[in-house]
PDB file of N, CA and C in Angstrom:
ATOM      1  N   MET A   1       0.833  -1.186   0.000  1.00  0.00           N
ATOM      2  CA  MET A   1       0.000   0.000   0.000  1.00  0.00           C
ATOM      3  C   MET A   1       0.870   1.239   0.000  1.00  0.00           C
ATOM      4  N   SER A   2       0.463   2.186  -0.744  1.00  0.00           N
ATOM      5  CA  SER A   2       1.198   3.449  -0.758  1.00  0.00           C
ATOM      6  C   SER A   2       0.414   4.498   0.031  1.00  0.00           C
ATOM      7  N   ARG A   3       1.178   5.373   0.589  1.00  0.00           N
ATOM      8  CA  ARG A   3       0.555   6.444   1.370  1.00  0.00           C
ATOM      9  C   ARG A   3       0.651   7.747   0.593  1.00  0.00           C
ATOM     10  N   THR A   4      -0.370   8.531   0.725  1.00  0.00           N
ATOM     11  CA  THR A   4      -0.327   9.870   0.145  1.00  0.00           C
ATOM     12  C   THR A   4      -0.238  10.863   1.292  1.00  0.00           C
ATOM     13  N   PRO A   5       0.588  11.885   1.118  1.00  0.00           N
ATOM     14  CA  PRO A   5       0.711  12.862   2.217  1.00  0.00           C
ATOM     15  C   PRO A   5      -0.624  13.580   2.442  1.00  0.00           C
ATOM     16  N   ALA A   6      -0.964  13.707   3.680  1.00  0.00           N
ATOM     17  CA  ALA A   6      -2.212  14.397   4.025  1.00  0.00           C
ATOM     18  C   ALA A   6      -2.040  15.894   3.806  1.00  0.00           C
ATOM     19  N   GLN A   7      -3.062  16.488   3.292  1.00  0.00           N
ATOM     20  CA  GLN A   7      -3.005  17.932   3.074  1.00  0.00           C
ATOM     21  C   GLN A   7      -3.330  18.631   4.381  1.00  0.00           C
ATOM     22  N   SER A   8      -2.396  19.450   4.810  1.00  0.00           N
ATOM     23  CA  SER A   8      -2.634  20.185   6.054  1.00  0.00           C
ATOM     24  C   SER A   8      -3.126  21.582   5.694  1.00  0.00           C
ATOM     25  N   SER A   9      -4.191  21.964   6.316  1.00  0.00           N
ATOM     26  CA  SER A   9      -4.719  23.303   6.059  1.00  0.00           C
ATOM     27  C   SER A   9      -4.277  24.221   7.185  1.00  0.00           C
ATOM     28  N   VAL A  10      -3.873  25.408   6.801  1.00  0.00           N
ATOM     29  CA  VAL A  10      -3.412  26.392   7.760  1.00  0.00           C
ATOM     30  C   VAL A  10      -4.577  27.325   8.069  1.00  0.00           C
ATOM     31  N   VAL A  11      -4.891  27.419   9.327  1.00  0.00           N
ATOM     32  CA  VAL A  11      -5.995  28.274   9.750  1.00  0.00           C
ATOM     33  C   VAL A  11      -5.403  29.541  10.347  1.00  0.00           C
ATOM     34  N   GLN A  12      -5.782  30.683   9.803  1.00  0.00           N
ATOM     35  CA  GLN A  12      -5.333  31.967  10.337  1.00  0.00           C
ATOM     36  C   GLN A  12      -6.160  32.296  11.569  1.00  0.00           C
ATOM     37  N   VAL A  13      -5.492  32.511  12.684  1.00  0.00           N
ATOM     38  CA  VAL A  13      -6.179  32.818  13.931  1.00  0.00           C
ATOM     39  C   VAL A  13      -6.051  34.312  14.184  1.00  0.00           C
ATOM     40  N   GLN A  14      -7.171  34.969  14.334  1.00  0.00           N
ATOM     41  CA  GLN A  14      -7.182  36.397  14.638  1.00  0.00           C
ATOM     42  C   GLN A  14      -7.020  36.591  16.140  1.00  0.00           C
ATOM     43  N   PRO A  15      -6.272  37.619  16.571  1.00  0.00           N
ATOM     44  CA  PRO A  15      -6.178  37.890  18.005  1.00  0.00           C
ATOM     45  C   PRO A  15      -7.551  38.297  18.550  1.00  0.00           C
ATOM     46  N   GLN A  16      -7.739  38.059  19.807  1.00  0.00           N
ATOM     47  CA  GLN A  16      -9.001  38.428  20.425  1.00  0.00           C
ATOM     48  C   GLN A  16      -9.128  39.939  20.471  1.00  0.00           C
ATOM     49  N   ALA A  17     -10.352  40.410  20.586  1.00  0.00           N
ATOM     50  CA  ALA A  17     -10.603  41.849  20.621  1.00  0.00           C
ATOM     51  C   ALA A  17      -9.948  42.496  21.837  1.00  0.00           C
ATOM     52  N   ASN A  18      -9.725  41.746  22.886  1.00  0.00           N
ATOM     53  CA  ASN A  18      -9.090  42.305  24.082  1.00  0.00           C
ATOM     54  C   ASN A  18      -7.670  42.775  23.795  1.00  0.00           C
ATOM     55  N   VAL A  19      -6.990  42.128  22.866  1.00  0.00           N
ATOM     56  CA  VAL A  19      -5.629  42.526  22.518  1.00  0.00           C
ATOM     57  C   VAL A  19      -5.634  43.920  21.903  1.00  0.00           C
ATOM     58  N   TYR A  20      -6.565  44.171  21.000  1.00  0.00           N
ATOM     59  CA  TYR A  20      -6.649  45.496  20.376  1.00  0.00           C
ATOM     60  C   TYR A  20      -7.040  46.566  21.385  1.00  0.00           C
ATOM     61  N   THR A  21      -7.922  46.234  22.299  1.00  0.00           N
ATOM     62  CA  THR A  21      -8.329  47.184  23.335  1.00  0.00           C
ATOM     63  C   THR A  21      -7.137  47.559  24.210  1.00  0.00           C
ATOM     64  N   ILE A  22      -6.341  46.581  24.587  1.00  0.00           N
ATOM     65  CA  ILE A  22      -5.168  46.856  25.419  1.00  0.00           C
ATOM     66  C   ILE A  22      -4.153  47.686  24.646  1.00  0.00           C
ATOM     67  N   LEU A  23      -3.964  47.402  23.363  1.00  0.00           N
ATOM     68  CA  LEU A  23      -3.026  48.193  22.558  1.00  0.00           C
ATOM     69  C   LEU A  23      -3.470  49.645  22.447  1.00  0.00           C
ATOM     70  N   ILE A  24      -4.765  49.876  22.273  1.00  0.00           N
ATOM     71  CA  ILE A  24      -5.270  51.246  22.190  1.00  0.00           C
ATOM     72  C   ILE A  24      -5.108  51.955  23.528  1.00  0.00           C
ATOM     73  N   LEU A  25      -5.380  51.255  24.631  1.00  0.00           N
ATOM     74  CA  LEU A  25      -5.204  51.861  25.946  1.00  0.00           C
ATOM     75  C   LEU A  25      -3.738  52.208  26.208  1.00  0.00           C
ATOM     76  N   VAL A  26      -2.838  51.320  25.845  1.00  0.00           N
ATOM     77  CA  VAL A  26      -1.399  51.594  26.034  1.00  0.00           C
ATOM     78  C   VAL A  26      -0.974  52.784  25.181  1.00  0.00           C
ATOM     79  N   ALA A  27      -1.450  52.846  23.942  1.00  0.00           N
ATOM     80  CA  ALA A  27      -1.097  53.978  23.073  1.00  0.00           C
ATOM     81  C   ALA A  27      -1.650  55.290  23.630  1.00  0.00           C
ATOM     82  N   ALA A  28      -2.863  55.273  24.171  1.00  0.00           N
ATOM     83  CA  ALA A  28      -3.452  56.488  24.737  1.00  0.00           C
ATOM     84  C   ALA A  28      -2.687  56.935  25.978  1.00  0.00           C
ATOM     85  N   ILE A  29      -2.257  55.989  26.798  1.00  0.00           N
ATOM     86  CA  ILE A  29      -1.485  56.334  27.996  1.00  0.00           C
ATOM     87  C   ILE A  29      -0.132  56.911  27.615  1.00  0.00           C
ATOM     88  N   VAL A  30       0.534  56.311  26.641  1.00  0.00           N
ATOM     89  CA  VAL A  30       1.835  56.828  26.187  1.00  0.00           C
ATOM     90  C   VAL A  30       1.681  58.230  25.608  1.00  0.00           C
ATOM     91  N   LEU A  31       0.618  58.464  24.841  1.00  0.00           N
ATOM     92  CA  LEU A  31       0.377  59.786  24.279  1.00  0.00           C
ATOM     93  C   LEU A  31       0.130  60.812  25.384  1.00  0.00           C
ATOM     94  N   ALA A  32      -0.649  60.455  26.397  1.00  0.00           N
ATOM     95  CA  ALA A  32      -0.925  61.377  27.496  1.00  0.00           C
ATOM     96  C   ALA A  32       0.337  61.704  28.291  1.00  0.00           C
ATOM     97  N   VAL A  33       1.159  60.697  28.552  1.00  0.00           N
ATOM     98  CA  VAL A  33       2.406  60.930  29.290  1.00  0.00           C
ATOM     99  C   VAL A  33       3.347  61.812  28.480  1.00  0.00           C
ATOM    100  N   THR A  34       3.452  61.564  27.192  1.00  0.00           N
ATOM    101  CA  THR A  34       4.311  62.380  26.327  1.00  0.00           C
ATOM    102  C   THR A  34       3.834  63.821  26.290  1.00  0.00           C
ATOM    103  N   LEU A  35       2.539  64.017  26.165  1.00  0.00           N
ATOM    104  CA  LEU A  35       1.986  65.370  26.163  1.00  0.00           C
ATOM    105  C   LEU A  35       2.260  66.065  27.492  1.00  0.00           C
ATOM    106  N   GLY A  36       2.135  65.346  28.586  1.00  0.00           N
ATOM    107  CA  GLY A  36       2.429  65.921  29.896  1.00  0.00           C
ATOM    108  C   GLY A  36       3.882  66.334  30.033  1.00  0.00           C
ATOM    109  N   VAL A  37       4.790  65.501  29.553  1.00  0.00           N
ATOM    110  CA  VAL A  37       6.221  65.822  29.641  1.00  0.00           C
ATOM    111  C   VAL A  37       6.546  67.038  28.780  1.00  0.00           C
ATOM    112  N   VAL A  38       5.989  67.101  27.581  1.00  0.00           N
ATOM    113  CA  VAL A  38       6.248  68.237  26.691  1.00  0.00           C
ATOM    114  C   VAL A  38       5.693  69.526  27.288  1.00  0.00           C
ATOM    115  N   LEU A  39       4.472  69.490  27.801  1.00  0.00           N
ATOM    116  CA  LEU A  39       3.898  70.691  28.413  1.00  0.00           C
ATOM    117  C   LEU A  39       4.678  71.106  29.648  1.00  0.00           C
ATOM    118  N   HIS A  40       5.121  70.139  30.439  1.00  0.00           N
ATOM    119  CA  HIS A  40       5.917  70.478  31.622  1.00  0.00           C
ATOM    120  C   HIS A  40       7.219  71.164  31.216  1.00  0.00           C
ATOM    121  N   THR A  41       7.851  70.652  30.165  1.00  0.00           N
ATOM    122  CA  THR A  41       9.103  71.254  29.699  1.00  0.00           C
ATOM    123  C   THR A  41       8.874  72.660  29.163  1.00  0.00           C
ATOM    124  N   LEU A  42       7.787  72.875  28.438  1.00  0.00           N
ATOM    125  CA  LEU A  42       7.527  74.202  27.884  1.00  0.00           C
ATOM    126  C   LEU A  42       7.131  75.211  28.956  1.00  0.00           C
ATOM    127  N   LEU A  43       6.398  74.773  29.970  1.00  0.00           N
ATOM    128  CA  LEU A  43       5.862  75.704  30.950  1.00  0.00           C
ATOM    129  C   LEU A  43       6.733  75.869  32.185  1.00  0.00           C
ATOM    130  N   ALA A  44       7.727  75.022  32.387  1.00  0.00           N
ATOM    131  CA  ALA A  44       8.588  75.104  33.567  1.00  0.00           C
ATOM    132  C   ALA A  44       9.534  76.294  33.432  1.00  0.00           C
ATOM    133  N   ASP A  45       9.909  76.827  34.592  1.00  0.00           N
ATOM    134  CA  ASP A  45      10.861  77.940  34.594  1.00  0.00           C
ATOM    135  C   ASP A  45      12.256  77.452  34.229  1.00  0.00           C
ATOM    136  N   SER A  46      13.107  78.396  33.829  1.00  0.00           N
ATOM    137  CA  SER A  46      14.492  78.077  33.479  1.00  0.00           C
ATOM    138  C   SER A  46      15.216  77.586  34.723  1.00  0.00           C
ATOM    139  N   PRO A  47      16.182  76.788  34.654  1.00  0.00           N
ATOM    140  CA  PRO A  47      16.833  76.155  33.512  1.00  0.00           C
ATOM    141  C   PRO A  47      16.172  74.848  33.099  1.00  0.00           C
ATOM    142  N   ALA A  48      15.158  74.377  33.848  1.00  0.00           N
ATOM    143  CA  ALA A  48      14.544  73.086  33.517  1.00  0.00           C
ATOM    144  C   ALA A  48      13.613  73.186  32.322  1.00  0.00           C
ATOM    145  N   GLY A  49      13.099  74.383  32.030  1.00  0.00           N
ATOM    146  CA  GLY A  49      12.148  74.507  30.943  1.00  0.00           C
ATOM    147  C   GLY A  49      12.306  75.821  30.208  1.00  0.00           C
ATOM    148  N   TYR A  50      11.288  76.178  29.427  1.00  0.00           N
ATOM    149  CA  TYR A  50      11.347  77.373  28.606  1.00  0.00           C
ATOM    150  C   TYR A  50      10.654  78.568  29.237  1.00  0.00           C
ATOM    151  N   GLY A  51       9.886  78.371  30.299  1.00  0.00           N
ATOM    152  CA  GLY A  51       9.254  79.465  31.006  1.00  0.00           C
ATOM    153  C   GLY A  51       8.100  80.121  30.264  1.00  0.00           C
ATOM    154  N   LEU A  52       7.430  79.399  29.403  1.00  0.00           N
ATOM    155  CA  LEU A  52       6.290  79.957  28.682  1.00  0.00           C
ATOM    156  C   LEU A  52       5.044  79.915  29.557  1.00  0.00           C
ATOM    157  N   THR A  53       4.081  80.765  29.238  1.00  0.00           N
ATOM    158  CA  THR A  53       2.776  80.657  29.866  1.00  0.00           C
ATOM    159  C   THR A  53       1.870  79.868  28.932  1.00  0.00           C
ATOM    160  N   PHE A  54       0.734  79.425  29.462  1.00  0.00           N
ATOM    161  CA  PHE A  54      -0.178  78.628  28.636  1.00  0.00           C
ATOM    162  C   PHE A  54      -0.693  79.455  27.472  1.00  0.00           C
ATOM    163  N   GLY A  55      -0.915  80.761  27.682  1.00  0.00           N
ATOM    164  CA  GLY A  55      -1.374  81.640  26.614  1.00  0.00           C
ATOM    165  C   GLY A  55      -0.338  81.813  25.512  1.00  0.00           C
ATOM    166  N   ASP A  56       0.944  81.719  25.873  1.00  0.00           N
ATOM    167  CA  ASP A  56       2.002  81.840  24.864  1.00  0.00           C
ATOM    168  C   ASP A  56       1.957  80.697  23.845  1.00  0.00           C
ATOM    169  N   LEU A  57       1.437  79.569  24.259  1.00  0.00           N
ATOM    170  CA  LEU A  57       1.374  78.430  23.341  1.00  0.00           C
ATOM    171  C   LEU A  57       0.395  78.668  22.207  1.00  0.00           C
ATOM    172  N   PHE A  58      -0.634  79.488  22.453  1.00  0.00           N
ATOM    173  CA  PHE A  58      -1.679  79.695  21.448  1.00  0.00           C
ATOM    174  C   PHE A  58      -1.706  81.115  20.903  1.00  0.00           C
ATOM    175  N   GLY A  59      -0.804  81.963  21.358  1.00  0.00           N
ATOM    176  CA  GLY A  59      -0.751  83.334  20.882  1.00  0.00           C
ATOM    177  C   GLY A  59       0.068  83.445  19.611  1.00  0.00           C
ATOM    178  N   PRO A  60       0.144  84.659  19.068  1.00  0.00           N
ATOM    179  CA  PRO A  60       0.947  84.864  17.856  1.00  0.00           C
ATOM    180  C   PRO A  60       2.437  84.663  18.145  1.00  0.00           C
ATOM    181  N   LEU A  61       3.152  84.242  17.136  1.00  0.00           N
ATOM    182  CA  LEU A  61       4.567  83.980  17.267  1.00  0.00           C
ATOM    183  C   LEU A  61       5.334  85.290  17.369  1.00  0.00           C
ATOM    184  N   LYS A  62       6.214  85.376  18.358  1.00  0.00           N
ATOM    185  CA  LYS A  62       7.045  86.568  18.536  1.00  0.00           C
ATOM    186  C   LYS A  62       8.475  86.219  18.152  1.00  0.00           C
ATOM    187  N   LEU A  63       8.961  86.836  17.103  1.00  0.00           N
ATOM    188  CA  LEU A  63      10.320  86.582  16.644  1.00  0.00           C
ATOM    189  C   LEU A  63      11.262  87.578  17.274  1.00  0.00           C
ATOM    190  N   LYS A  64      12.394  87.071  17.729  1.00  0.00           N
ATOM    191  CA  LYS A  64      13.422  87.956  18.281  1.00  0.00           C
ATOM    192  C   LYS A  64      14.327  88.391  17.137  1.00  0.00           C
ATOM    193  N   GLY A  65      14.674  89.642  17.141  1.00  0.00           N
ATOM    194  CA  GLY A  65      15.559  90.028  16.070  1.00  0.00           C
ATOM    195  C   GLY A  65      15.765  91.424  15.953  1.00  0.00           C
TER     196      GLY A  65
END
């Protein structure tokens, strides 16, 4: 008797929806922390930061010169 190789089918398994939810939550937390660090650096007094006020972030640009 001869044997024929069995055909193996590959089934693509999708990750559970919980994985995507956790990835979105991690991305949102990283974005919030980054925004906090950037705002702290811009609003902190010298030498740790730039000493801007919150209104300076949205006001017209003042060029030195």
